[in-house]
Amino acid sequence: MEDLIDVLNKENTEYENLLTLSIKKTPTIVAGNIKELEKITDEEQIVVSRINQHEQRRQSLMKDIANVINKDVKTLKLVNLIQMLEKRPEEQKKLASVHDKLQVTMKNMANTNNHNRDLIEAAKEMTEFDLQVLQAMKAAPETANYNRGAYNAGSVMGVDTTSFDAKQ
């Protein structure tokens, strides 16, 4: 049980590191600093790699615990394990504490990631709007030149037929 508590604490620490990086990402997104964003993303990948190692260890420990208590590992949750430790209040308290810390960290991670996603979506929409404005500026009105039959013979000013269409 001590190994499980230790692994969960290490996992929580890494998730807190990931949360710190996600919070650091917010002003970088707002500033549009792509180089810094890439740097933070690289750091996140390193942290995620460590989280995956801890997660594999946690799954292995949960499998061992499930075998010892004769439960299905797929249905064994930390909440159930905490309840089963009634006769061992010290371990129960430690496991409940790390479980609660993990829940808070994960909730904060979700909130921060949702906020960053919204910021990125807003930046994307602004970029699309800017592109549309630039394309509209290239299409100036037609000149008012008419031929003998009173047909408009004017040309569109400022039209560049070789422009790049980003939607294709």
C-alpha atoms as a PDB file:
ATOM      1  CA  MET A   1       0.000   0.000   0.000  1.00  0.00           C
ATOM      2  CA  GLU A   2       2.914   2.329   0.762  1.00  0.00           C
ATOM      3  CA  ASP A   3       4.223   1.851  -2.787  1.00  0.00           C
ATOM      4  CA  LEU A   4       0.851   2.851  -4.226  1.00  0.00           C
ATOM      5  CA  ILE A   5       0.695   5.951  -2.045  1.00  0.00           C
ATOM      6  CA  ASP A   6       4.252   6.856  -3.053  1.00  0.00           C
ATOM      7  CA  VAL A   7       3.513   6.437  -6.779  1.00  0.00           C
ATOM      8  CA  LEU A   8       0.315   8.491  -6.495  1.00  0.00           C
ATOM      9  CA  ASN A   9       2.210  11.276  -4.728  1.00  0.00           C
ATOM     10  CA  LYS A  10       4.858  11.265  -7.480  1.00  0.00           C
ATOM     11  CA  GLU A  11       2.132  11.284 -10.118  1.00  0.00           C
ATOM     12  CA  ASN A  12       0.430  14.227  -8.428  1.00  0.00           C
ATOM     13  CA  THR A  13       3.737  16.125  -8.299  1.00  0.00           C
ATOM     14  CA  GLU A  14       4.205  15.616 -12.040  1.00  0.00           C
ATOM     15  CA  TYR A  15       0.633  16.714 -12.737  1.00  0.00           C
ATOM     16  CA  GLU A  16       1.304  19.838 -10.671  1.00  0.00           C
ATOM     17  CA  ASN A  17       4.402  20.452 -12.835  1.00  0.00           C
ATOM     18  CA  LEU A  18       2.223  20.045 -15.922  1.00  0.00           C
ATOM     19  CA  LEU A  19      -0.315  22.464 -14.448  1.00  0.00           C
ATOM     20  CA  THR A  20       2.441  25.027 -13.857  1.00  0.00           C
ATOM     21  CA  LEU A  21       3.490  24.719 -17.498  1.00  0.00           C
ATOM     22  CA  SER A  22      -0.120  25.074 -18.657  1.00  0.00           C
ATOM     23  CA  ILE A  23      -0.519  28.231 -16.572  1.00  0.00           C
ATOM     24  CA  LYS A  24       2.761  29.520 -18.026  1.00  0.00           C
ATOM     25  CA  LYS A  25       1.338  28.851 -21.491  1.00  0.00           C
ATOM     26  CA  THR A  26      -1.615  31.248 -21.057  1.00  0.00           C
ATOM     27  CA  PRO A  27       0.254  34.580 -21.380  1.00  0.00           C
ATOM     28  CA  THR A  28       2.382  33.044 -24.134  1.00  0.00           C
ATOM     29  CA  ILE A  29      -0.752  32.245 -26.134  1.00  0.00           C
ATOM     30  CA  VAL A  30      -2.117  35.744 -25.542  1.00  0.00           C
ATOM     31  CA  ALA A  31       1.169  37.279 -26.687  1.00  0.00           C
ATOM     32  CA  GLY A  32       1.291  34.993 -29.731  1.00  0.00           C
ATOM     33  CA  ASN A  33       4.858  33.979 -28.915  1.00  0.00           C
ATOM     34  CA  ILE A  34       5.178  30.796 -30.985  1.00  0.00           C
ATOM     35  CA  LYS A  35       8.820  30.082 -30.056  1.00  0.00           C
ATOM     36  CA  GLU A  36       8.071  30.226 -26.337  1.00  0.00           C
ATOM     37  CA  LEU A  37       4.951  28.104 -26.871  1.00  0.00           C
ATOM     38  CA  GLU A  38       7.054  25.448 -28.614  1.00  0.00           C
ATOM     39  CA  LYS A  39       9.541  25.515 -25.737  1.00  0.00           C
ATOM     40  CA  ILE A  40       6.770  25.025 -23.167  1.00  0.00           C
ATOM     41  CA  THR A  41       5.234  22.235 -25.241  1.00  0.00           C
ATOM     42  CA  ASP A  42       8.602  20.437 -25.339  1.00  0.00           C
ATOM     43  CA  GLU A  43       8.838  20.714 -21.545  1.00  0.00           C
ATOM     44  CA  GLU A  44       5.298  19.342 -21.256  1.00  0.00           C
ATOM     45  CA  GLN A  45       6.266  16.295 -23.323  1.00  0.00           C
ATOM     46  CA  ILE A  46       9.066  15.495 -20.869  1.00  0.00           C
ATOM     47  CA  VAL A  47       6.673  15.753 -17.919  1.00  0.00           C
ATOM     48  CA  VAL A  48       4.058  13.616 -19.700  1.00  0.00           C
ATOM     49  CA  SER A  49       6.705  10.954 -20.269  1.00  0.00           C
ATOM     50  CA  ARG A  50       7.406  10.834 -16.520  1.00  0.00           C
ATOM     51  CA  ILE A  51       3.659  10.716 -15.786  1.00  0.00           C
ATOM     52  CA  ASN A  52       3.315   7.723 -18.118  1.00  0.00           C
ATOM     53  CA  GLN A  53       6.068   5.883 -16.243  1.00  0.00           C
ATOM     54  CA  HIS A  54       4.336   6.515 -12.908  1.00  0.00           C
ATOM     55  CA  GLU A  55       0.988   5.519 -14.416  1.00  0.00           C
ATOM     56  CA  GLN A  56       2.392   2.183 -15.584  1.00  0.00           C
ATOM     57  CA  ARG A  57       3.774   1.553 -12.107  1.00  0.00           C
ATOM     58  CA  ARG A  58       0.422   2.528 -10.549  1.00  0.00           C
ATOM     59  CA  GLN A  59      -1.454   0.129 -12.827  1.00  0.00           C
ATOM     60  CA  SER A  60       0.936  -2.664 -11.935  1.00  0.00           C
ATOM     61  CA  LEU A  61       0.463  -2.009  -8.217  1.00  0.00           C
ATOM     62  CA  MET A  62      -3.334  -1.874  -8.588  1.00  0.00           C
ATOM     63  CA  LYS A  63      -3.215  -5.217 -10.398  1.00  0.00           C
ATOM     64  CA  ASP A  64      -1.166  -6.729  -7.567  1.00  0.00           C
ATOM     65  CA  ILE A  65      -3.524  -5.317  -4.937  1.00  0.00           C
ATOM     66  CA  ALA A  66      -6.551  -6.617  -6.845  1.00  0.00           C
ATOM     67  CA  ASN A  67      -5.003 -10.107  -6.913  1.00  0.00           C
ATOM     68  CA  VAL A  68      -4.284 -10.021  -3.178  1.00  0.00           C
ATOM     69  CA  ILE A  69      -7.806  -8.934  -2.211  1.00  0.00           C
ATOM     70  CA  ASN A  70      -9.394 -11.115  -4.919  1.00  0.00           C
ATOM     71  CA  LYS A  71     -11.091  -8.258  -6.828  1.00  0.00           C
ATOM     72  CA  ASP A  72     -11.283  -7.470 -10.530  1.00  0.00           C
ATOM     73  CA  VAL A  73      -8.639  -4.866 -11.368  1.00  0.00           C
ATOM     74  CA  LYS A  74     -10.981  -3.241 -13.918  1.00  0.00           C
ATOM     75  CA  THR A  75     -13.568  -2.434 -11.261  1.00  0.00           C
ATOM     76  CA  LEU A  76     -11.170  -1.647  -8.415  1.00  0.00           C
ATOM     77  CA  LYS A  77     -11.057   2.115  -7.873  1.00  0.00           C
ATOM     78  CA  LEU A  78      -9.111   4.160  -5.337  1.00  0.00           C
ATOM     79  CA  VAL A  79     -12.374   5.119  -3.632  1.00  0.00           C
ATOM     80  CA  ASN A  80     -13.158   1.418  -3.096  1.00  0.00           C
ATOM     81  CA  LEU A  81      -9.665   0.785  -1.835  1.00  0.00           C
ATOM     82  CA  ILE A  82      -9.960   3.674   0.625  1.00  0.00           C
ATOM     83  CA  GLN A  83     -13.192   2.200   1.967  1.00  0.00           C
ATOM     84  CA  MET A  84     -11.598  -1.236   2.336  1.00  0.00           C
ATOM     85  CA  LEU A  85      -8.863   0.225   4.537  1.00  0.00           C
ATOM     86  CA  GLU A  86     -11.229   0.982   7.448  1.00  0.00           C
ATOM     87  CA  LYS A  87      -9.238  -1.273   9.755  1.00  0.00           C
ATOM     88  CA  ARG A  88      -6.006   0.507   8.815  1.00  0.00           C
ATOM     89  CA  PRO A  89      -6.884   4.174   9.411  1.00  0.00           C
ATOM     90  CA  GLU A  90      -3.357   5.522   8.934  1.00  0.00           C
ATOM     91  CA  GLU A  91      -3.031   4.068   5.429  1.00  0.00           C
ATOM     92  CA  GLN A  92      -6.636   4.985   4.701  1.00  0.00           C
ATOM     93  CA  LYS A  93      -5.945   8.608   5.619  1.00  0.00           C
ATOM     94  CA  LYS A  94      -2.781   8.774   3.471  1.00  0.00           C
ATOM     95  CA  LEU A  95      -4.516   7.203   0.474  1.00  0.00           C
ATOM     96  CA  ALA A  96      -7.554   9.468   0.842  1.00  0.00           C
ATOM     97  CA  SER A  97      -5.288  12.509   1.098  1.00  0.00           C
ATOM     98  CA  VAL A  98      -3.348  11.747  -2.070  1.00  0.00           C
ATOM     99  CA  HIS A  99      -6.610  10.879  -3.861  1.00  0.00           C
ATOM    100  CA  ASP A 100      -8.070  14.265  -2.906  1.00  0.00           C
ATOM    101  CA  LYS A 101      -4.894  16.101  -3.987  1.00  0.00           C
ATOM    102  CA  LEU A 102      -4.992  14.333  -7.351  1.00  0.00           C
ATOM    103  CA  GLN A 103      -8.636  15.282  -7.852  1.00  0.00           C
ATOM    104  CA  VAL A 104      -7.943  18.962  -7.134  1.00  0.00           C
ATOM    105  CA  THR A 105      -4.900  18.987  -9.411  1.00  0.00           C
ATOM    106  CA  MET A 106      -6.824  17.308 -12.235  1.00  0.00           C
ATOM    107  CA  LYS A 107      -9.725  19.767 -11.882  1.00  0.00           C
ATOM    108  CA  ASN A 108      -7.291  22.699 -12.057  1.00  0.00           C
ATOM    109  CA  MET A 109      -5.597  21.115 -15.084  1.00  0.00           C
ATOM    110  CA  ALA A 110      -8.929  20.753 -16.873  1.00  0.00           C
ATOM    111  CA  ASN A 111      -9.891  24.375 -16.150  1.00  0.00           C
ATOM    112  CA  THR A 112      -6.530  25.735 -17.310  1.00  0.00           C
ATOM    113  CA  ASN A 113      -6.504  23.595 -20.454  1.00  0.00           C
ATOM    114  CA  ASN A 114     -10.065  24.646 -21.322  1.00  0.00           C
ATOM    115  CA  HIS A 115      -9.075  28.299 -20.872  1.00  0.00           C
ATOM    116  CA  ASN A 116      -6.006  27.868 -23.089  1.00  0.00           C
ATOM    117  CA  ARG A 117      -8.086  26.054 -25.709  1.00  0.00           C
ATOM    118  CA  ASP A 118     -10.571  28.952 -25.747  1.00  0.00           C
ATOM    119  CA  LEU A 119      -7.709  31.437 -26.161  1.00  0.00           C
ATOM    120  CA  ILE A 120      -6.263  29.463 -29.057  1.00  0.00           C
ATOM    121  CA  GLU A 121      -9.688  29.238 -30.683  1.00  0.00           C
ATOM    122  CA  ALA A 122     -10.144  33.016 -30.321  1.00  0.00           C
ATOM    123  CA  ALA A 123      -6.699  33.625 -31.843  1.00  0.00           C
ATOM    124  CA  LYS A 124      -7.581  31.327 -34.723  1.00  0.00           C
ATOM    125  CA  GLU A 125     -10.852  33.173 -35.355  1.00  0.00           C
ATOM    126  CA  MET A 126      -9.049  36.519 -35.260  1.00  0.00           C
ATOM    127  CA  THR A 127      -6.485  35.281 -37.779  1.00  0.00           C
ATOM    128  CA  GLU A 128      -9.260  34.087 -40.102  1.00  0.00           C
ATOM    129  CA  PHE A 129     -10.995  37.460 -39.757  1.00  0.00           C
ATOM    130  CA  ASP A 130      -7.751  39.285 -40.576  1.00  0.00           C
ATOM    131  CA  LEU A 131      -7.282  37.124 -43.680  1.00  0.00           C
ATOM    132  CA  GLN A 132     -10.821  37.898 -44.833  1.00  0.00           C
ATOM    133  CA  VAL A 133     -10.256  41.632 -44.340  1.00  0.00           C
ATOM    134  CA  LEU A 134      -7.017  41.480 -46.325  1.00  0.00           C
ATOM    135  CA  GLN A 135      -8.720  39.592 -49.140  1.00  0.00           C
ATOM    136  CA  ALA A 136     -11.595  42.083 -49.174  1.00  0.00           C
ATOM    137  CA  MET A 137      -9.137  44.990 -49.376  1.00  0.00           C
ATOM    138  CA  LYS A 138      -7.654  43.518 -52.555  1.00  0.00           C
ATOM    139  CA  ALA A 139     -11.052  43.552 -54.287  1.00  0.00           C
ATOM    140  CA  ALA A 140     -11.635  47.263 -54.889  1.00  0.00           C
ATOM    141  CA  PRO A 141     -14.739  48.528 -56.695  1.00  0.00           C
ATOM    142  CA  GLU A 142     -15.018  48.566 -60.490  1.00  0.00           C
ATOM    143  CA  THR A 143     -14.164  51.677 -62.445  1.00  0.00           C
ATOM    144  CA  ALA A 144     -17.096  53.452 -64.056  1.00  0.00           C
ATOM    145  CA  ASN A 145     -16.097  53.123 -67.699  1.00  0.00           C
ATOM    146  CA  TYR A 146     -18.870  52.458 -70.180  1.00  0.00           C
ATOM    147  CA  ASN A 147     -18.674  51.537 -73.856  1.00  0.00           C
ATOM    148  CA  ARG A 148     -20.917  52.778 -76.703  1.00  0.00           C
ATOM    149  CA  GLY A 149     -23.666  50.285 -75.922  1.00  0.00           C
ATOM    150  CA  ALA A 150     -23.919  51.577 -72.347  1.00  0.00           C
ATOM    151  CA  TYR A 151     -22.361  48.403 -70.991  1.00  0.00           C
ATOM    152  CA  ASN A 152     -19.904  48.592 -68.154  1.00  0.00           C
ATOM    153  CA  ALA A 153     -16.459  48.153 -69.618  1.00  0.00           C
ATOM    154  CA  GLY A 154     -14.603  49.037 -66.425  1.00  0.00           C
ATOM    155  CA  SER A 155     -12.184  46.816 -64.650  1.00  0.00           C
ATOM    156  CA  VAL A 156     -11.911  45.911 -61.013  1.00  0.00           C
ATOM    157  CA  MET A 157      -9.176  47.943 -59.394  1.00  0.00           C
ATOM    158  CA  GLY A 158      -6.564  46.223 -57.268  1.00  0.00           C
ATOM    159  CA  VAL A 159      -7.564  42.658 -58.111  1.00  0.00           C
ATOM    160  CA  ASP A 160      -4.712  40.205 -58.024  1.00  0.00           C
ATOM    161  CA  THR A 161      -5.721  36.989 -59.776  1.00  0.00           C
ATOM    162  CA  THR A 162      -2.605  35.175 -58.611  1.00  0.00           C
ATOM    163  CA  SER A 163      -3.379  35.444 -54.878  1.00  0.00           C
ATOM    164  CA  PHE A 164      -3.165  32.438 -52.634  1.00  0.00           C
ATOM    165  CA  ASP A 165      -6.484  30.929 -51.513  1.00  0.00           C
ATOM    166  CA  ALA A 166      -5.945  29.618 -47.971  1.00  0.00           C
ATOM    167  CA  LYS A 167      -9.192  27.613 -48.013  1.00  0.00           C
ATOM    168  CA  GLN A 168      -8.037  25.244 -50.772  1.00  0.00           C
END
